[in-house]
Protein backbone atom coordinates (compact mmCIF):
# COMPACT_ATOMS: atom_id res chain seq x y z
CA MET A 1 -11.22 -1.86 24.77
CA ILE A 2 -8.95 -4.60 23.35
CA LEU A 3 -9.74 -3.85 19.84
CA GLN A 4 -8.92 0.09 20.39
CA THR A 5 -5.55 -1.02 21.81
CA LEU A 6 -4.97 -3.26 19.07
CA ALA A 7 -5.83 -0.56 16.30
CA ARG A 8 -3.77 2.06 18.32
CA PHE A 9 -0.61 0.09 18.34
CA SER A 10 -1.20 -1.11 14.80
CA ASN A 11 -1.34 2.42 13.48
CA LEU A 12 1.69 3.55 15.43
CA TYR A 13 3.84 1.07 14.01
CA GLY A 14 2.29 0.96 10.43
CA GLY A 15 2.63 4.59 10.13
CA ASN A 16 6.61 4.40 10.32
CA PRO A 17 7.96 3.52 6.98
CA GLU A 18 11.05 2.15 8.60
CA LEU A 19 9.00 -0.56 9.98
CA VAL A 20 6.01 -1.07 7.39
CA LEU A 21 5.63 -0.54 3.74
CA ALA A 22 2.45 -0.97 1.81
CA GLY A 23 0.15 -3.81 3.19
CA GLY A 24 3.01 -5.49 4.97
CA GLY A 25 2.90 -6.75 8.49
CA ASN A 26 0.15 -7.81 10.60
CA THR A 27 -1.07 -7.76 14.22
CA SER A 28 -3.30 -9.72 16.62
CA ALA A 29 -4.81 -9.74 20.21
CA LYS A 30 -6.51 -12.67 21.92
CA ASP A 31 -9.53 -12.14 24.32
CA GLY A 32 -11.02 -15.20 25.69
CA ASN A 33 -11.72 -17.79 22.86
CA THR A 34 -11.56 -15.11 20.28
CA LEU A 35 -8.47 -14.04 18.19
CA TYR A 36 -8.66 -10.66 16.47
CA ILE A 37 -6.31 -10.61 13.29
CA LYS A 38 -5.54 -7.71 10.53
CA GLY A 39 -7.53 -8.74 7.58
CA SER A 40 -5.68 -9.54 4.41
CA GLY A 41 -5.17 -6.56 2.39
CA THR A 42 -5.98 -3.82 4.88
CA ARG A 43 -2.88 -1.55 6.11
CA LEU A 44 -1.46 -1.25 9.66
CA ALA A 45 -1.24 2.53 9.23
CA THR A 46 -5.05 2.87 8.80
CA VAL A 47 -6.54 -0.16 10.24
CA ALA A 48 -9.73 0.55 12.30
CA PRO A 49 -11.06 -1.60 15.27
CA GLU A 50 -13.92 -2.87 12.79
CA ASP A 51 -11.32 -3.95 10.17
CA PHE A 52 -9.97 -6.83 12.40
CA VAL A 53 -11.27 -10.28 11.78
CA ALA A 54 -12.79 -12.35 14.84
CA MET A 55 -11.54 -15.75 14.91
CA ASP A 56 -12.45 -18.95 16.89
CA ARG A 57 -9.31 -19.94 18.86
CA GLY A 58 -10.59 -23.41 19.23
CA ARG A 59 -11.14 -23.94 15.61
CA LEU A 60 -7.66 -22.56 14.66
CA ALA A 61 -6.19 -25.04 17.39
CA ALA A 62 -7.95 -27.97 15.54
CA MET A 63 -6.23 -27.06 12.30
CA LEU A 64 -2.86 -27.43 13.93
CA ASP A 65 -3.71 -31.03 14.82
CA LYS A 66 -5.41 -31.79 11.63
CA THR A 67 -3.65 -33.83 8.77
CA TYR A 68 -3.80 -32.04 5.41
CA PRO A 69 -2.56 -33.26 2.01
CA GLN A 70 0.92 -33.24 1.13
CA GLU A 71 0.59 -31.81 -2.27
CA ASP A 72 0.78 -28.01 -2.28
CA ALA A 73 -2.35 -27.11 -4.20
CA PRO A 74 -4.94 -29.28 -2.42
CA ARG A 75 -3.19 -28.79 1.12
CA GLU A 76 -3.34 -24.88 0.63
CA ALA A 77 -6.93 -25.09 -0.60
CA ALA A 78 -8.01 -27.25 2.34
CA ALA A 79 -6.07 -25.05 4.87
CA LEU A 80 -7.51 -21.95 3.48
CA ALA A 81 -11.06 -23.43 3.72
CA ASP A 82 -10.53 -24.22 7.30
CA LEU A 83 -9.24 -20.82 8.01
CA MET A 84 -12.09 -19.17 6.50
CA ALA A 85 -14.47 -21.44 8.51
CA ALA A 86 -12.71 -20.47 11.72
CA LYS A 87 -14.22 -16.88 11.37
CA LEU A 88 -17.02 -16.09 13.86
CA PRO A 89 -20.51 -15.08 12.74
CA GLY A 90 -20.80 -11.66 11.31
CA GLN A 91 -17.11 -11.90 9.83
CA GLU A 92 -18.06 -13.46 6.45
CA ALA A 93 -17.11 -10.62 4.25
CA LYS A 94 -13.44 -10.39 5.72
CA ARG A 95 -10.45 -12.43 5.02
CA PRO A 96 -8.12 -13.10 7.93
CA SER A 97 -4.30 -12.92 7.30
CA VAL A 98 -2.54 -15.92 6.05
CA GLU A 99 -0.51 -15.82 9.08
CA THR A 100 -3.37 -16.27 11.59
CA LEU A 101 -2.19 -19.65 12.63
CA LEU A 102 1.10 -18.39 13.50
CA HIS A 103 -0.35 -15.55 15.78
CA ALA A 104 -2.59 -18.30 17.22
CA LEU A 105 0.66 -20.30 18.49
CA PHE A 106 1.80 -17.64 20.86
CA PRO A 107 -0.14 -17.83 24.25
CA MET A 108 0.47 -14.08 24.74
CA ARG A 109 -2.24 -11.53 24.20
CA TYR A 110 -0.68 -9.45 21.77
CA VAL A 111 1.38 -10.31 18.59
CA LEU A 112 3.24 -7.90 16.24
CA HIS A 113 4.58 -8.95 12.88
CA LEU A 114 6.82 -6.63 10.76
CA HIS A 115 9.37 -6.70 8.02
CA PRO A 116 11.73 -3.82 8.65
CA ALA A 117 14.59 -3.54 6.40
CA LEU A 118 16.98 -3.69 9.17
CA VAL A 119 15.84 -6.80 10.64
CA ASN A 120 15.55 -8.36 6.91
CA GLY A 121 19.27 -7.40 6.63
CA LEU A 122 19.94 -10.29 9.07
CA THR A 123 17.14 -12.66 8.11
CA CYS A 124 18.24 -12.30 4.45
CA ALA A 125 21.92 -12.83 5.02
CA ALA A 126 24.14 -15.80 4.35
CA ASP A 127 25.22 -16.03 8.16
CA GLY A 128 22.02 -14.68 9.51
CA LYS A 129 21.30 -17.55 11.65
CA ALA A 130 24.79 -17.46 13.24
CA TRP A 131 24.50 -13.83 13.87
CA ALA A 132 20.99 -14.25 15.32
CA GLU A 133 22.14 -16.78 17.81
CA LYS A 134 24.98 -14.65 18.82
CA LEU A 135 23.11 -11.41 18.93
CA PHE A 136 19.56 -12.56 19.97
CA PRO A 137 19.96 -15.77 22.05
CA GLN A 138 16.21 -15.12 23.26
CA ALA A 139 14.76 -15.40 19.79
CA VAL A 140 13.69 -18.38 17.65
CA TRP A 141 15.32 -18.47 14.28
CA ILE A 142 12.80 -20.09 11.78
CA GLU A 143 14.39 -21.19 8.64
CA ALA A 144 13.06 -20.35 5.09
CA CYS A 145 10.00 -22.59 4.02
CA LYS A 146 6.65 -22.32 2.22
CA PRO A 147 4.53 -19.83 3.87
CA GLY A 148 0.96 -20.52 5.35
CA TYR A 149 0.19 -23.75 6.88
CA ILE A 150 3.69 -25.03 6.37
CA LEU A 151 5.27 -22.28 8.07
CA ALA A 152 3.01 -22.48 10.97
CA MET A 153 3.67 -26.02 11.72
CA LEU A 154 7.46 -25.25 11.39
CA CYS A 155 6.93 -22.31 14.03
CA ARG A 156 5.07 -24.63 16.22
CA GLU A 157 7.84 -27.32 16.24
CA ARG A 158 10.63 -24.77 16.86
CA MET A 159 8.76 -22.86 19.59
CA ALA A 160 8.04 -26.20 21.31
CA GLN A 161 11.90 -27.14 21.22
CA TYR A 162 12.69 -23.56 22.50
CA LYS A 163 10.19 -24.02 25.49
CA SER A 164 11.64 -27.45 26.17
CA ARG A 165 15.32 -26.08 26.15
CA THR A 166 14.50 -22.83 28.25
CA GLY A 167 11.39 -23.40 30.11
CA ARG A 168 9.80 -20.26 28.65
CA ASP A 169 7.42 -19.38 25.77
CA ALA A 170 9.28 -17.72 22.90
CA GLN A 171 8.39 -14.06 22.51
CA ILE A 172 10.52 -13.34 19.47
CA LEU A 173 10.66 -15.31 16.03
CA LEU A 174 13.20 -14.46 13.27
CA LEU A 175 11.84 -15.65 10.06
CA GLN A 176 14.52 -16.17 7.23
CA ASN A 177 13.74 -14.35 4.18
CA HIS A 178 10.65 -12.83 5.82
CA GLY A 179 10.73 -10.66 9.00
CA VAL A 180 10.13 -10.81 12.83
CA PHE A 181 7.31 -11.73 15.24
CA PHE A 182 7.07 -10.21 18.74
CA ALA A 183 4.60 -11.41 21.30
CA ALA A 184 3.67 -10.06 24.88
CA ASP A 185 0.85 -9.62 27.16
CA ASP A 186 1.03 -5.84 27.08
CA VAL A 187 2.00 -3.43 24.40
CA GLN A 188 4.75 -1.64 26.53
CA THR A 189 6.57 -4.94 26.43
CA LEU A 190 5.95 -5.30 22.64
CA ASP A 191 7.70 -1.92 22.40
CA THR A 192 10.50 -2.92 24.50
CA LEU A 193 11.26 -6.02 22.55
CA LEU A 194 11.14 -4.18 19.21
CA CYS A 195 13.18 -1.15 20.25
CA ASP A 196 15.86 -3.44 21.87
CA LEU A 197 16.34 -5.70 18.69
CA LEU A 198 16.46 -2.69 16.37
CA GLY A 199 19.03 -1.03 18.71
CA THR A 200 21.17 -3.97 18.63
CA LEU A 201 21.01 -4.13 14.81
CA ARG A 202 21.69 -0.79 14.23
CA ALA A 203 24.77 -0.87 16.56
CA HIS A 204 26.02 -3.84 14.59
CA CYS A 205 25.61 -2.41 11.17
CA ALA A 206 28.65 -0.15 10.45
CA GLN A 207 27.14 0.68 6.96
CA THR A 208 23.60 2.21 6.16
CA PRO A 209 22.30 3.11 2.88
CA ASP A 210 23.12 6.15 1.03
CA PHE A 211 20.04 7.69 -0.76
CA SER A 212 21.58 10.99 -1.74
CA ALA A 213 20.79 11.84 -5.23
CA SER A 214 23.42 10.33 -7.79
CA ALA A 215 21.81 10.01 -11.05
CA ASP A 216 19.67 12.06 -13.29
CA GLU A 217 16.28 11.01 -14.58
CA ASP A 218 16.21 10.20 -18.29
CA ALA A 219 12.64 11.28 -19.00
CA ALA A 220 12.59 10.05 -22.43
CA LEU A 221 13.76 6.49 -21.28
CA GLY A 222 11.08 6.54 -18.47
CA SER A 223 8.38 7.45 -20.90
CA ARG A 224 9.57 4.69 -23.21
CA LEU A 225 9.59 2.04 -20.52
CA ALA A 226 6.08 2.98 -19.34
CA ALA A 227 4.67 2.81 -22.85
CA LEU A 228 6.40 -0.86 -23.26
CA TYR A 229 4.77 -1.97 -19.60
CA ALA A 230 1.31 -1.02 -20.73
CA PRO A 231 -0.79 1.59 -22.33
CA GLY A 232 -1.14 4.62 -20.04
CA ALA A 233 1.31 3.13 -17.57
CA VAL A 234 3.30 5.37 -15.40
CA TYR A 235 7.03 5.33 -13.95
CA ARG A 236 8.65 6.54 -10.99
CA PHE A 237 12.67 7.15 -11.16
CA CYS A 238 15.10 6.61 -8.32
CA GLY A 239 18.76 7.86 -8.80
CA ALA A 240 19.80 7.18 -5.29
CA ALA A 241 23.42 6.73 -4.85
CA GLU A 242 23.20 3.32 -3.37
CA ALA A 243 20.74 2.04 -6.31
CA VAL A 244 23.18 3.56 -8.86
CA ARG A 245 26.31 1.65 -7.18
CA PHE A 246 24.32 -1.64 -7.67
CA SER A 247 23.21 -0.78 -11.19
CA GLU A 248 26.98 -0.49 -12.39
CA SER A 249 27.23 -3.91 -13.57
CA LEU A 250 25.73 -7.17 -13.77
CA THR A 251 28.07 -8.55 -11.01
CA SER A 252 27.14 -5.68 -8.63
CA MET A 253 23.37 -6.26 -9.30
CA GLN A 254 23.67 -10.06 -8.25
CA PRO A 255 22.14 -9.25 -4.59
CA LEU A 256 18.88 -7.55 -6.20
CA LEU A 257 18.33 -10.06 -8.84
CA GLU A 258 16.46 -12.42 -6.90
CA PRO A 259 13.40 -11.29 -4.46
CA PHE A 260 14.28 -11.27 -0.67
CA THR A 261 10.88 -11.65 0.77
CA PRO A 262 7.25 -12.34 -0.56
CA ASP A 263 6.48 -8.56 -0.32
CA HIS A 264 9.12 -7.90 -3.06
CA ILE A 265 7.30 -10.35 -5.27
CA VAL A 266 3.81 -8.96 -4.46
CA TYR A 267 4.76 -5.32 -5.16
CA CYS A 268 7.64 -5.70 -7.49
CA LYS A 269 7.44 -8.97 -9.23
CA ALA A 270 10.00 -11.65 -8.76
CA HIS A 271 12.88 -10.10 -10.89
CA PRO A 272 14.05 -6.97 -11.95
CA LEU A 273 14.97 -6.19 -15.61
CA TYR A 274 18.66 -5.17 -16.06
CA LEU A 275 19.50 -2.88 -18.97
CA PRO A 276 23.14 -2.65 -20.00
CA ARG A 277 24.19 0.51 -21.71
CA GLY A 278 23.51 0.60 -25.28
CA CYS A 279 21.28 -2.31 -25.39
CA ASP A 280 18.00 -2.62 -27.39
CA VAL A 281 15.54 -1.54 -24.66
CA GLN A 282 12.53 -2.94 -26.65
CA ALA A 283 14.19 -6.29 -27.33
CA ALA A 284 15.18 -6.79 -23.84
CA PHE A 285 11.65 -5.86 -22.44
CA ALA A 286 10.14 -8.38 -25.11
CA ASP A 287 12.62 -11.05 -23.86
CA TYR A 288 11.80 -10.47 -20.18
CA ARG A 289 8.02 -10.64 -20.93
CA ALA A 290 8.68 -14.00 -22.97
CA LEU A 291 10.66 -15.52 -20.18
CA HIS A 292 8.40 -14.46 -17.13
CA GLY A 293 5.10 -14.08 -18.82
CA TYR A 294 4.60 -10.51 -17.52
CA ALA A 295 6.18 -7.23 -17.85
CA PRO A 296 8.95 -6.03 -15.36
CA LYS A 297 8.06 -3.52 -12.67
CA ILE A 298 11.45 -2.40 -12.01
CA CYS A 299 14.02 -1.78 -14.58
CA TYR A 300 17.61 -1.09 -13.64
CA VAL A 301 19.78 0.90 -16.11
CA GLN A 302 23.50 0.50 -16.01
CA GLY A 303 24.92 3.27 -13.98
CA GLY A 304 21.61 5.06 -13.95
CA GLY A 305 19.59 3.93 -11.04
CA PHE A 306 16.12 2.39 -11.66
CA TYR A 307 12.65 2.88 -12.95
CA ALA A 308 9.37 1.55 -11.20
CA LEU A 309 6.56 0.87 -13.65
CA SER A 310 2.95 0.14 -13.14
CA GLU A 311 -0.52 1.09 -14.35
CA THR A 312 -1.25 3.70 -11.71
CA ALA A 313 0.77 6.36 -9.80
CA LYS A 314 -0.04 4.67 -6.53
CA GLN A 315 1.26 1.25 -7.66
CA ALA A 316 4.45 2.72 -9.16
CA ASP A 317 5.13 4.43 -5.89
CA THR A 318 4.65 1.44 -3.95
CA ALA A 319 6.99 -0.53 -6.28
CA MET A 320 9.59 2.11 -5.97
CA LEU A 321 9.45 1.88 -2.13
CA LEU A 322 9.64 -1.81 -2.04
CA ALA A 323 12.81 -1.68 -4.66
CA LEU A 324 14.46 0.56 -2.25
CA ASP A 325 13.55 -1.66 0.53
CA ALA A 326 15.42 -4.44 -1.34
CA VAL A 327 18.42 -2.06 -1.72
CA LYS A 328 18.52 -1.29 2.07
CA ILE A 329 18.44 -5.07 2.96
CA ALA A 330 21.16 -5.84 0.55
CA VAL A 331 23.28 -3.06 2.28
CA TYR A 332 22.39 -4.08 5.81
CA SER A 333 23.13 -7.89 4.88
CA ARG A 334 26.97 -6.99 4.45
CA ALA A 335 27.21 -6.86 8.22
CA PHE A 336 25.77 -10.51 8.39
CA GLY A 337 27.72 -12.40 5.67
CA GLY A 338 26.26 -10.84 2.55
CA ALA A 339 22.78 -11.07 0.75
CA LEU A 340 20.93 -14.27 0.66
CA PRO A 341 17.67 -14.15 -1.56
CA GLN A 342 14.85 -16.56 -1.47
CA SER A 343 15.42 -19.89 -3.12
CA LYS A 344 14.09 -20.23 -6.62
CA ALA A 345 11.90 -23.01 -5.56
CA LEU A 346 10.30 -20.96 -2.55
CA THR A 347 9.79 -17.92 -5.06
CA GLU A 348 7.98 -20.07 -7.65
CA PHE A 349 5.75 -21.34 -4.89
CA ILE A 350 4.85 -17.83 -3.75
CA VAL A 351 4.35 -16.48 -7.40
CA ASN A 352 1.76 -19.28 -7.98
CA TRP A 353 0.01 -19.10 -4.38
CA GLU A 354 -3.36 -17.98 -4.29
CA VAL A 355 -2.96 -15.98 -1.13
CA GLU A 356 -0.34 -13.67 -2.57
CA ALA A 357 -2.13 -13.48 -5.84
CA TYR A 358 -5.12 -12.29 -3.56
CA ARG A 359 -2.75 -9.71 -1.89
CA ALA A 360 -1.42 -8.45 -5.16
CA LYS A 361 -5.18 -7.89 -6.58
CA LEU A 362 -5.72 -5.82 -3.48
CA ALA A 363 -2.67 -3.83 -3.93
CA GLN A 364 -3.84 -2.52 -7.30
């Protein structure tokens, strides 16, 4: 029964594009010594009861008290090996979410983790922490840090501090440049926590993104960009008013030149290519590839919106959705002091992190 309940509310939230895009977000449920967690690469909108990974809570708890290497690569390799070893028999073919340890921290039965643009307008903002403390004193703010084991340990520390201060277990975590976690013993309370938080944010954000059509597609340019990306590649065009406003100059583009969250890196790569009017498109493309080691998935054209590029229509559609998500975040962040993308160091870590490379492979 618990797996049916878990799948049902996962599908409910996962099917709402205002809450979940592509493979983002995850859910879990606890039953005795077992934690059921969404598998990496599966989608909340379509996850079925049999898709969740059954984990040994005792072995997960032991990971939190284990000493791992300080260096990034050996630490993450060792933590991943222990995470995979914590799967129960019969789960060998599945891979649990990298955030499994964080789910295990909550004593509540159900956990819901989402990356809504409205929430990330707060978590990806210069004054996000101050506003979070003012609007959501019941939430725990988690400063940006390396994902996986390091994030779980930081959350453990902040949650313990919250309980020491308030006498209560934390039910809401706001993760800088990441998203939000909710935890409750029943799904009705989960929904209440989510709706209350979103309602407060909507009331505070005076400006909402304008996605009315504003610029016309240049089919010749789109085809040329796709050909430069890869043989047989496809493109999608976005001429929404808000995207066009950002594309007007390199100065107006600043909030979008660095990624806001790991999801934007997975589905859009870390940086867009900006094409000023009259530039040599082929040379700009070649310079980008030489600098980053890969072709751009998002190309902004001065005053003309952007083009999303990829090998397949599905991937191009997803890249466009995540690029629009970044636009939403940039707009919402104005209510909280303006956009604050990820640090360059954190972006570099995620770009080279095996777990996100695995997610990116599954997204193809």
